[in-house]
């Protein structure tokens, strides 16, 4: 019999309808599983078991009365730490932040709560979300459940680790340059960066999104029908759209798919990653799609300009802090941002303009295709204690060359596991689509799940 913490959201909801399971017994089982894993993973923040059990009891009463309150009633879920939940401080992954309880739920948290999800805890992130790592000056070091010596990635570090480890079926992260897709790829789970504005979020910012991180595409689709509901607090959100999120069947024959294996800058794609992504492309080709190589379309100058802008943005925040709080920031991030003190106004403005340049280049290059395949990251996971795959603050973005363009272009993009290295580390396949075609990306990812076949067993906590 499948352990309760292994069941998907779709399986749990079906069992609740049949009264074969109750949200309370499922929540108890998931909390017990988290307790076994957490001394090793350290993926959670503000876990309040009694609060989660109270939500589960209320859900159980609703199901027994035949009156579930929403599409996710009784399903365990986690929320990334930087998505505010009422009454819980939002440290943003850093010891620099004063711990002040949030006044209200941010839109993604509000939607999950309204849908009846059992909110287990928040999940960890690095300082200000500025690293693809589980390293933080506030949280304990978060590790990858496939190999505890490795990094889960970030900045949705705890969410990726929690999804792979079975901390319930539903998790939500945020992404401004790859922070959903990178940990999803390195942890072997599914992660969707929706079209910008598809999931209302607060605070909104250029390229920033919230998206689901799950073990299956079907569970992510369930989340999207909830998360995509409108919220006026996000002034950059898209108009409400009638999208059949759970209609995941898609004909592959005749689709035009681009294959991007060289991003134009950044780290070289290592051989095992290249082989796994190319095998995925061949599987789509065998199913009737037309797969064509896609030449690089972003440049070193684009990322260097954007780096200048992001460093200045962070430097302004950092320089406004008193010295005693500045000293709490991770040295890696301090070493990165402090160089912005020397930047000129024209340099920062030209850096800001690179968001538009990346957007234009990405949309123009991908327009001939229905979808584009690429690696999520050029390399598999790396040392848990490192801040990035190179661990060099002078080269902080060499691993995001495949993910970043789709934040700037506002196109949907997902990570789905497409294999493992010889050492047993997951490899992520990125599937990107045309702007607003979030459902299409989900459908192609779901088709790949069938083409890929059964996955390896999920990792289990050390005995």
Protein backbone atom coordinates (compact mmCIF):
# COMPACT_ATOMS: atom_id res chain seq x y z
CA UNK A 1 0.00 0.00 0.00
CA UNK A 2 1.29 3.48 -0.90
CA UNK A 3 2.32 5.52 2.15
CA UNK A 4 0.04 8.48 2.79
CA UNK A 5 2.82 11.05 2.33
CA UNK A 6 3.47 9.59 -1.15
CA UNK A 7 -0.06 10.18 -2.45
CA UNK A 8 -0.65 12.90 -5.00
CA UNK A 9 -3.19 15.68 -4.54
CA UNK A 10 -5.44 14.09 -7.15
CA UNK A 11 -5.28 10.76 -5.31
CA UNK A 12 -5.98 12.38 -1.95
CA UNK A 13 -9.00 14.31 -3.22
CA UNK A 14 -10.45 11.18 -4.78
CA UNK A 15 -9.96 9.30 -1.50
CA UNK A 16 -11.61 12.10 0.48
CA UNK A 17 -14.63 11.98 -1.82
CA UNK A 18 -14.94 8.22 -1.23
CA UNK A 19 -14.31 8.72 2.50
CA UNK A 20 -11.48 6.21 2.18
CA UNK A 21 -9.11 8.69 3.83
CA UNK A 22 -9.49 11.74 6.02
CA UNK A 23 -7.45 14.97 5.86
CA UNK A 24 -6.59 14.51 9.54
CA UNK A 25 -4.94 11.10 9.15
CA UNK A 26 -3.10 12.29 6.03
CA UNK A 27 -1.81 15.42 7.77
CA UNK A 28 -0.65 13.37 10.76
CA UNK A 29 1.22 11.01 8.42
CA UNK A 30 2.86 13.85 6.50
CA UNK A 31 3.93 15.62 9.70
CA UNK A 32 5.46 12.37 10.99
CA UNK A 33 7.33 11.97 7.69
CA UNK A 34 8.62 15.56 7.91
CA UNK A 35 9.83 14.86 11.44
CA UNK A 36 11.91 11.95 10.13
CA UNK A 37 13.44 14.01 7.31
CA UNK A 38 13.96 17.45 8.88
CA UNK A 39 17.08 16.74 10.96
CA UNK A 40 18.76 16.00 7.62
CA UNK A 41 17.09 18.39 5.13
CA UNK A 42 16.19 21.51 7.15
CA UNK A 43 13.67 22.59 4.51
CA UNK A 44 11.01 24.11 6.79
CA UNK A 45 10.40 27.41 8.55
CA UNK A 46 7.58 28.22 10.98
CA UNK A 47 6.23 24.67 11.04
CA UNK A 48 3.27 24.65 13.43
CA UNK A 49 1.94 21.12 13.69
CA UNK A 50 -1.03 22.03 15.88
CA UNK A 51 -2.15 24.74 13.48
CA UNK A 52 -1.93 22.33 10.55
CA UNK A 53 -3.86 19.67 12.47
CA UNK A 54 -6.58 22.20 13.30
CA UNK A 55 -6.93 23.01 9.59
CA UNK A 56 -7.09 19.27 8.83
CA UNK A 57 -9.83 18.72 11.43
CA UNK A 58 -11.89 21.52 9.92
CA UNK A 59 -11.41 20.00 6.46
CA UNK A 60 -12.42 16.58 7.75
CA UNK A 61 -15.68 18.03 9.08
CA UNK A 62 -16.39 19.63 5.72
CA UNK A 63 -15.79 16.40 3.81
CA UNK A 64 -17.97 14.41 6.23
CA UNK A 65 -20.75 16.95 5.62
CA UNK A 66 -20.22 16.66 1.87
CA UNK A 67 -19.29 20.34 1.68
CA UNK A 68 -15.61 20.80 0.74
CA UNK A 69 -14.77 24.50 0.63
CA UNK A 70 -12.50 24.46 -2.41
CA UNK A 71 -10.53 22.55 -5.00
CA UNK A 72 -7.68 21.64 -2.59
CA UNK A 73 -9.64 20.99 0.59
CA UNK A 74 -7.58 18.90 3.00
CA UNK A 75 -4.49 18.58 0.80
CA UNK A 76 -1.19 19.31 2.63
CA UNK A 77 0.80 22.21 1.18
CA UNK A 78 3.86 24.34 1.92
CA UNK A 79 4.55 27.97 1.01
CA UNK A 80 7.91 29.60 0.32
CA UNK A 81 9.03 31.82 3.17
CA UNK A 82 8.92 35.09 1.15
CA UNK A 83 5.19 34.65 0.39
CA UNK A 84 3.56 36.31 3.38
CA UNK A 85 1.18 34.36 5.61
CA UNK A 86 -0.73 36.31 8.22
CA UNK A 87 0.92 36.38 11.63
CA UNK A 88 4.24 34.85 10.50
CA UNK A 89 7.39 36.98 10.09
CA UNK A 90 8.94 37.13 6.61
CA UNK A 91 12.73 37.18 7.09
CA UNK A 92 13.43 36.84 3.35
CA UNK A 93 16.03 34.21 4.13
CA UNK A 94 18.37 36.63 5.86
CA UNK A 95 19.34 37.44 9.43
CA UNK A 96 19.32 41.10 8.38
CA UNK A 97 15.50 41.35 8.41
CA UNK A 98 13.59 42.39 11.57
CA UNK A 99 11.08 39.69 12.48
CA UNK A 100 7.70 41.41 12.23
CA UNK A 101 4.53 39.25 11.82
CA UNK A 102 2.91 39.69 8.40
CA UNK A 103 -0.35 41.64 8.49
CA UNK A 104 -2.07 39.55 5.81
CA UNK A 105 -1.71 36.62 3.45
CA UNK A 106 -0.05 37.43 0.13
CA UNK A 107 -2.21 36.44 -2.86
CA UNK A 108 -0.80 32.90 -3.40
CA UNK A 109 -1.17 32.05 0.29
CA UNK A 110 -4.67 33.51 0.35
CA UNK A 111 -5.73 31.38 -2.62
CA UNK A 112 -4.42 28.16 -1.03
CA UNK A 113 -6.13 28.96 2.25
CA UNK A 114 -9.44 29.77 0.51
CA UNK A 115 -9.23 26.48 -1.40
CA UNK A 116 -8.97 24.55 1.88
CA UNK A 117 -5.36 23.42 1.63
CA UNK A 118 -3.74 22.38 4.91
CA UNK A 119 -0.84 24.81 5.30
CA UNK A 120 1.92 22.81 6.98
CA UNK A 121 4.74 25.35 7.09
CA UNK A 122 6.83 27.84 5.18
CA UNK A 123 9.89 26.63 3.26
CA UNK A 124 13.42 27.99 3.36
CA UNK A 125 15.25 30.32 1.00
CA UNK A 126 18.67 32.03 0.81
CA UNK A 127 19.30 35.69 1.68
CA UNK A 128 16.84 37.89 -0.26
CA UNK A 129 16.33 35.03 -2.73
CA UNK A 130 19.54 36.08 -4.47
CA UNK A 131 21.16 32.62 -4.62
CA UNK A 132 20.43 29.35 -6.40
CA UNK A 133 21.27 27.63 -3.14
CA UNK A 134 20.01 26.40 0.21
CA UNK A 135 22.59 28.59 1.98
CA UNK A 136 21.14 31.28 4.25
CA UNK A 137 22.25 33.55 7.09
CA UNK A 138 18.87 33.01 8.81
CA UNK A 139 17.81 29.42 8.07
CA UNK A 140 19.83 26.29 8.67
CA UNK A 141 21.55 24.89 5.57
CA UNK A 142 18.98 23.14 3.38
CA UNK A 143 20.14 19.98 1.59
CA UNK A 144 19.11 17.89 -1.41
CA UNK A 145 17.20 14.69 -0.47
CA UNK A 146 18.75 12.74 -3.38
CA UNK A 147 22.22 13.31 -1.89
CA UNK A 148 22.61 15.14 1.41
CA UNK A 149 26.04 16.41 0.41
CA UNK A 150 24.43 18.29 -2.49
CA UNK A 151 22.50 21.52 -2.88
CA UNK A 152 18.73 21.62 -3.50
CA UNK A 153 19.21 24.82 -5.52
CA UNK A 154 17.27 27.98 -4.97
CA UNK A 155 16.02 30.34 -4.24
CA UNK A 156 12.99 28.06 -3.66
CA UNK A 157 15.38 25.74 -1.86
CA UNK A 158 13.10 24.35 0.83
CA UNK A 159 10.21 23.96 -1.61
CA UNK A 160 12.29 21.83 -4.00
CA UNK A 161 13.68 19.67 -1.20
CA UNK A 162 10.23 19.31 0.41
CA UNK A 163 8.59 18.24 -2.83
CA UNK A 164 11.23 15.59 -3.54
CA UNK A 165 11.19 14.34 0.06
CA UNK A 166 7.40 13.99 0.23
CA UNK A 167 6.40 16.82 2.57
CA UNK A 168 2.91 16.52 1.12
CA UNK A 169 2.06 16.93 -2.57
CA UNK A 170 1.76 20.72 -3.04
CA UNK A 171 4.47 23.37 -2.76
CA UNK A 172 4.78 26.91 -4.04
CA UNK A 173 7.93 28.84 -4.87
CA UNK A 174 8.90 32.11 -6.51
CA UNK A 175 11.13 32.76 -9.53
CA UNK A 176 12.86 35.86 -10.92
CA UNK A 177 15.71 34.20 -12.82
CA UNK A 178 15.14 30.47 -12.34
CA UNK A 179 14.28 30.12 -8.66
CA UNK A 180 11.43 27.64 -9.24
CA UNK A 181 12.94 25.74 -12.17
CA UNK A 182 16.50 25.35 -10.85
CA UNK A 183 15.58 23.66 -7.55
CA UNK A 184 12.89 21.67 -9.36
CA UNK A 185 15.51 20.42 -11.82
CA UNK A 186 18.14 19.66 -9.18
CA UNK A 187 15.57 17.94 -6.93
CA UNK A 188 13.89 15.94 -9.72
CA UNK A 189 10.41 17.46 -9.33
CA UNK A 190 8.11 19.45 -11.61
CA UNK A 191 8.16 23.22 -11.38
CA UNK A 192 6.25 25.79 -13.43
CA UNK A 193 7.17 29.44 -13.93
CA UNK A 194 3.87 30.74 -15.31
CA UNK A 195 3.52 33.70 -17.66
CA UNK A 196 4.35 36.80 -15.68
CA UNK A 197 1.21 38.03 -13.95
CA UNK A 198 -0.69 34.76 -14.34
CA UNK A 199 -0.43 34.10 -10.59
CA UNK A 200 -1.04 37.32 -8.63
CA UNK A 201 1.73 38.05 -6.14
CA UNK A 202 2.67 40.78 -3.69
CA UNK A 203 5.06 42.49 -3.93
CA UNK A 204 5.12 42.36 -7.73
CA UNK A 205 8.34 43.08 -9.62
CA UNK A 206 9.70 42.76 -13.16
CA UNK A 207 10.13 39.08 -13.96
CA UNK A 208 8.95 37.86 -10.53
CA UNK A 209 6.39 35.08 -10.41
CA UNK A 210 4.99 32.47 -8.04
CA UNK A 211 4.50 28.95 -9.29
CA UNK A 212 3.79 25.36 -8.24
CA UNK A 213 6.43 22.76 -7.37
CA UNK A 214 5.07 19.21 -7.28
CA UNK A 215 5.96 15.64 -8.08
CA UNK A 216 3.60 15.56 -11.08
CA UNK A 217 2.22 17.87 -13.75
CA UNK A 218 -1.35 16.96 -12.77
CA UNK A 219 -0.85 18.28 -9.24
CA UNK A 220 0.67 21.50 -10.59
CA UNK A 221 -2.37 21.95 -12.83
CA UNK A 222 -4.65 21.57 -9.80
CA UNK A 223 -2.68 24.30 -8.06
CA UNK A 224 -2.80 26.60 -11.08
CA UNK A 225 -6.58 26.60 -11.22
CA UNK A 226 -6.47 27.98 -7.66
CA UNK A 227 -3.39 30.24 -7.80
CA UNK A 228 -4.42 31.97 -11.02
CA UNK A 229 -7.57 33.44 -9.51
CA UNK A 230 -7.51 37.29 -9.63
CA UNK A 231 -6.25 39.54 -6.86
CA UNK A 232 -6.30 43.32 -7.28
CA UNK A 233 -3.30 43.71 -4.96
CA UNK A 234 -1.01 42.69 -7.82
CA UNK A 235 -0.94 45.71 -10.13
CA UNK A 236 1.04 43.75 -12.74
CA UNK A 237 -1.29 40.72 -12.91
CA UNK A 238 -2.97 39.50 -16.08
CA UNK A 239 -6.73 39.77 -16.62
CA UNK A 240 -8.66 36.69 -15.45
CA UNK A 241 -8.72 33.96 -18.08
CA UNK A 242 -10.93 30.91 -18.49
CA UNK A 243 -8.28 28.18 -18.74
CA UNK A 244 -9.09 24.47 -18.54
CA UNK A 245 -6.08 23.77 -16.34
CA UNK A 246 -6.76 20.07 -15.83
CA UNK A 247 -7.22 19.29 -19.56
CA UNK A 248 -3.69 17.99 -20.04
CA UNK A 249 -3.95 15.81 -23.15
CA UNK A 250 -2.05 17.18 -26.16
CA UNK A 251 -1.40 15.87 -29.66
CA UNK A 252 2.34 15.99 -30.35
CA UNK A 253 2.27 15.26 -34.06
CA UNK A 254 3.13 18.33 -36.11
CA UNK A 255 4.33 20.52 -33.23
CA UNK A 256 7.37 22.68 -34.01
CA UNK A 257 9.87 22.42 -31.17
CA UNK A 258 13.15 24.30 -30.88
CA UNK A 259 16.13 22.72 -29.14
CA UNK A 260 18.47 25.16 -27.38
CA UNK A 261 21.71 23.55 -26.23
CA UNK A 262 23.93 26.65 -26.20
CA UNK A 263 22.61 29.68 -24.31
CA UNK A 264 25.21 32.04 -25.74
CA UNK A 265 26.94 32.71 -22.41
CA UNK A 266 27.41 31.03 -19.04
CA UNK A 267 28.68 27.61 -18.05
CA UNK A 268 29.07 24.93 -20.70
CA UNK A 269 26.46 22.16 -20.64
CA UNK A 270 28.12 19.09 -19.13
CA UNK A 271 27.88 15.84 -21.14
CA UNK A 272 25.37 13.87 -19.03
CA UNK A 273 22.99 16.82 -18.97
CA UNK A 274 23.32 17.33 -22.72
CA UNK A 275 22.68 13.63 -23.38
CA UNK A 276 19.53 13.56 -21.24
CA UNK A 277 18.04 16.69 -22.86
CA UNK A 278 18.86 15.48 -26.36
CA UNK A 279 17.25 12.11 -25.57
CA UNK A 280 14.09 13.97 -24.52
CA UNK A 281 14.10 15.86 -27.81
CA UNK A 282 14.41 12.59 -29.73
CA UNK A 283 11.44 11.20 -27.81
CA UNK A 284 9.28 14.14 -28.93
CA UNK A 285 10.55 13.68 -32.48
CA UNK A 286 9.63 10.01 -32.41
CA UNK A 287 6.13 11.01 -31.28
CA UNK A 288 5.66 13.15 -34.40
CA UNK A 289 6.98 16.59 -33.44
CA UNK A 290 9.42 18.49 -35.63
CA UNK A 291 12.52 19.32 -33.59
CA UNK A 292 14.97 21.93 -34.91
CA UNK A 293 18.14 23.40 -33.38
CA UNK A 294 17.78 26.90 -31.97
CA UNK A 295 20.81 29.20 -32.07
CA UNK A 296 21.81 31.26 -29.02
CA UNK A 297 19.92 34.53 -28.68
CA UNK A 298 21.20 36.16 -25.47
CA UNK A 299 24.66 37.59 -24.93
CA UNK A 300 27.28 38.21 -22.30
CA UNK A 301 26.65 41.96 -22.59
CA UNK A 302 22.98 41.44 -21.69
CA UNK A 303 23.70 39.61 -18.45
CA UNK A 304 26.53 41.94 -17.46
CA UNK A 305 24.18 44.90 -17.82
CA UNK A 306 21.42 43.18 -15.86
CA UNK A 307 23.98 42.21 -13.23
CA UNK A 308 24.85 45.89 -12.80
CA UNK A 309 21.21 46.82 -12.32
CA UNK A 310 20.49 44.02 -9.84
CA UNK A 311 23.64 44.79 -7.85
CA UNK A 312 22.73 48.47 -7.58
CA UNK A 313 19.19 47.60 -6.51
CA UNK A 314 20.59 45.37 -3.74
CA UNK A 315 23.34 47.86 -2.85
CA UNK A 316 20.82 50.62 -2.22
CA UNK A 317 18.94 48.38 0.22
CA UNK A 318 22.17 47.21 1.88
CA UNK A 319 23.74 50.67 2.22
CA UNK A 320 20.62 51.97 4.00
CA UNK A 321 21.07 49.43 6.82
CA UNK A 322 22.91 50.19 10.06
CA UNK A 323 26.36 48.54 10.26
CA UNK A 324 25.28 45.93 12.81
CA UNK A 325 22.62 44.63 10.42
CA UNK A 326 24.91 44.83 7.38
CA UNK A 327 27.28 42.48 9.21
CA UNK A 328 24.62 39.74 9.30
CA UNK A 329 24.35 39.38 5.52
CA UNK A 330 25.96 36.37 3.85
CA UNK A 331 29.52 37.36 2.89
CA UNK A 332 29.01 35.99 -0.65
CA UNK A 333 26.11 38.39 -1.28
CA UNK A 334 27.90 41.29 0.39
CA UNK A 335 30.93 40.68 -1.82
CA UNK A 336 28.67 40.68 -4.88
CA UNK A 337 26.68 43.84 -4.19
CA UNK A 338 29.39 46.03 -2.66
CA UNK A 339 30.99 46.56 -6.08
CA UNK A 340 27.86 48.49 -7.14
CA UNK A 341 29.16 51.47 -5.15
CA UNK A 342 31.44 52.25 -8.10
CA UNK A 343 28.72 52.10 -10.80
CA UNK A 344 27.67 55.27 -12.60
CA UNK A 345 24.12 56.35 -13.38
CA UNK A 346 24.49 55.62 -17.13
CA UNK A 347 25.86 52.13 -16.36
CA UNK A 348 22.86 51.34 -14.14
CA UNK A 349 20.38 52.72 -16.69
CA UNK A 350 21.96 50.67 -19.49
CA UNK A 351 21.77 47.66 -17.19
CA UNK A 352 18.06 48.23 -16.58
CA UNK A 353 17.51 48.43 -20.35
CA UNK A 354 18.89 44.91 -20.77
CA UNK A 355 15.63 43.50 -19.39
CA UNK A 356 13.96 44.82 -22.52
CA UNK A 357 16.80 43.66 -24.75
CA UNK A 358 16.58 40.12 -23.36
CA UNK A 359 12.80 40.17 -23.73
CA UNK A 360 12.95 41.25 -27.39
CA UNK A 361 15.66 38.74 -28.27
CA UNK A 362 13.91 35.83 -26.54
CA UNK A 363 10.50 36.44 -28.09
CA UNK A 364 11.96 36.96 -31.58
CA UNK A 365 14.08 33.81 -31.43
CA UNK A 366 11.34 31.53 -30.07
CA UNK A 367 8.44 32.88 -32.15
CA UNK A 368 8.83 30.28 -34.96
CA UNK A 369 8.30 27.45 -32.46
CA UNK A 370 5.35 26.17 -30.47
CA UNK A 371 7.72 25.20 -27.66
CA UNK A 372 11.44 25.26 -26.87
CA UNK A 373 13.42 22.56 -25.05
CA UNK A 374 16.68 23.18 -23.22
CA UNK A 375 18.52 22.17 -20.08
CA UNK A 376 17.27 23.88 -16.93
CA UNK A 377 20.84 24.14 -15.68
CA UNK A 378 24.03 23.37 -17.57
CA UNK A 379 25.25 21.27 -14.63
CA UNK A 380 23.76 18.96 -11.98
CA UNK A 381 23.67 19.87 -8.31
CA UNK A 382 26.79 20.90 -6.44
CA UNK A 383 28.13 21.11 -2.88
CA UNK A 384 25.45 21.91 -0.30
CA UNK A 385 27.62 24.52 1.38
CA UNK A 386 28.22 26.54 -1.79
CA UNK A 387 26.29 29.66 -2.78
CA UNK A 388 26.25 28.78 -6.49
CA UNK A 389 27.68 26.14 -8.84
CA UNK A 390 30.91 28.17 -9.20
CA UNK A 391 30.77 29.61 -5.64
CA UNK A 392 32.29 32.82 -6.98
CA UNK A 393 30.53 36.15 -6.27
CA UNK A 394 32.30 37.65 -9.29
CA UNK A 395 30.46 35.09 -11.50
CA UNK A 396 27.08 34.69 -9.80
CA UNK A 397 24.81 34.02 -12.79
CA UNK A 398 26.71 31.60 -15.03
CA UNK A 399 24.19 28.83 -14.32
CA UNK A 400 20.98 30.77 -15.15
CA UNK A 401 21.59 31.40 -18.86
CA UNK A 402 18.79 29.00 -19.87
CA UNK A 403 16.23 30.09 -17.28
CA UNK A 404 16.63 33.87 -17.02
CA UNK A 405 15.47 34.80 -20.56
CA UNK A 406 11.96 33.50 -19.94
CA UNK A 407 11.51 35.67 -16.85
CA UNK A 408 12.41 38.74 -18.87
CA UNK A 409 10.25 37.69 -21.85
CA UNK A 410 7.31 36.82 -19.54
CA UNK A 411 6.87 33.43 -21.26
CA UNK A 412 5.85 30.31 -19.33
CA UNK A 413 8.58 27.76 -18.69
CA UNK A 414 8.73 24.55 -16.69
CA UNK A 415 11.24 22.06 -15.36
CA UNK A 416 10.53 18.33 -15.60
CA UNK A 417 12.92 15.55 -14.70
CA UNK A 418 14.48 13.92 -17.78
CA UNK A 419 17.06 11.62 -16.25
CA UNK A 420 19.83 11.15 -13.73
CA UNK A 421 23.59 11.45 -13.73
CA UNK A 422 25.75 8.37 -13.20
CA UNK A 423 26.00 9.55 -9.59
CA UNK A 424 22.21 9.55 -9.15
CA UNK A 425 21.53 13.30 -9.35
CA UNK A 426 18.41 14.50 -11.22
CA UNK A 427 18.62 16.37 -14.52
CA UNK A 428 15.99 18.96 -15.45
CA UNK A 429 14.49 19.50 -18.90
CA UNK A 430 13.15 23.02 -19.46
CA UNK A 431 10.01 23.36 -21.60
CA UNK A 432 9.11 26.93 -22.55
CA UNK A 433 6.12 28.13 -24.54
CA UNK A 434 4.70 31.23 -26.14
CA UNK A 435 3.56 34.02 -23.86
CA UNK A 436 0.27 33.21 -22.11
CA UNK A 437 0.34 29.52 -23.23
CA UNK A 438 0.77 28.22 -19.68
CA UNK A 439 -1.62 25.36 -20.38
CA UNK A 440 0.38 24.34 -23.42
CA UNK A 441 3.56 24.08 -21.35
CA UNK A 442 1.73 21.93 -18.80
CA UNK A 443 0.36 19.74 -21.60
CA UNK A 444 3.78 19.21 -23.20
CA UNK A 445 5.29 18.40 -19.81
CA UNK A 446 2.49 15.93 -19.14
CA UNK A 447 3.13 14.31 -22.52
CA UNK A 448 6.80 14.00 -21.61
CA UNK A 449 5.90 12.24 -18.38
CA UNK A 450 4.33 9.53 -20.56
CA UNK A 451 7.27 9.46 -22.99
CA UNK A 452 9.75 9.27 -20.10
CA UNK A 453 8.06 6.38 -18.35
CA UNK A 454 8.19 5.53 -14.63
CA UNK A 455 10.57 7.48 -12.42
CA UNK A 456 13.05 6.14 -9.91
CA UNK A 457 11.69 5.71 -6.38
CA UNK A 458 11.68 8.95 -4.43
CA UNK A 459 14.40 9.36 -1.79
CA UNK A 460 13.68 8.20 1.75
CA UNK A 461 14.98 9.65 5.02
CA UNK A 462 18.17 8.08 6.38
CA UNK A 463 17.54 5.33 8.91
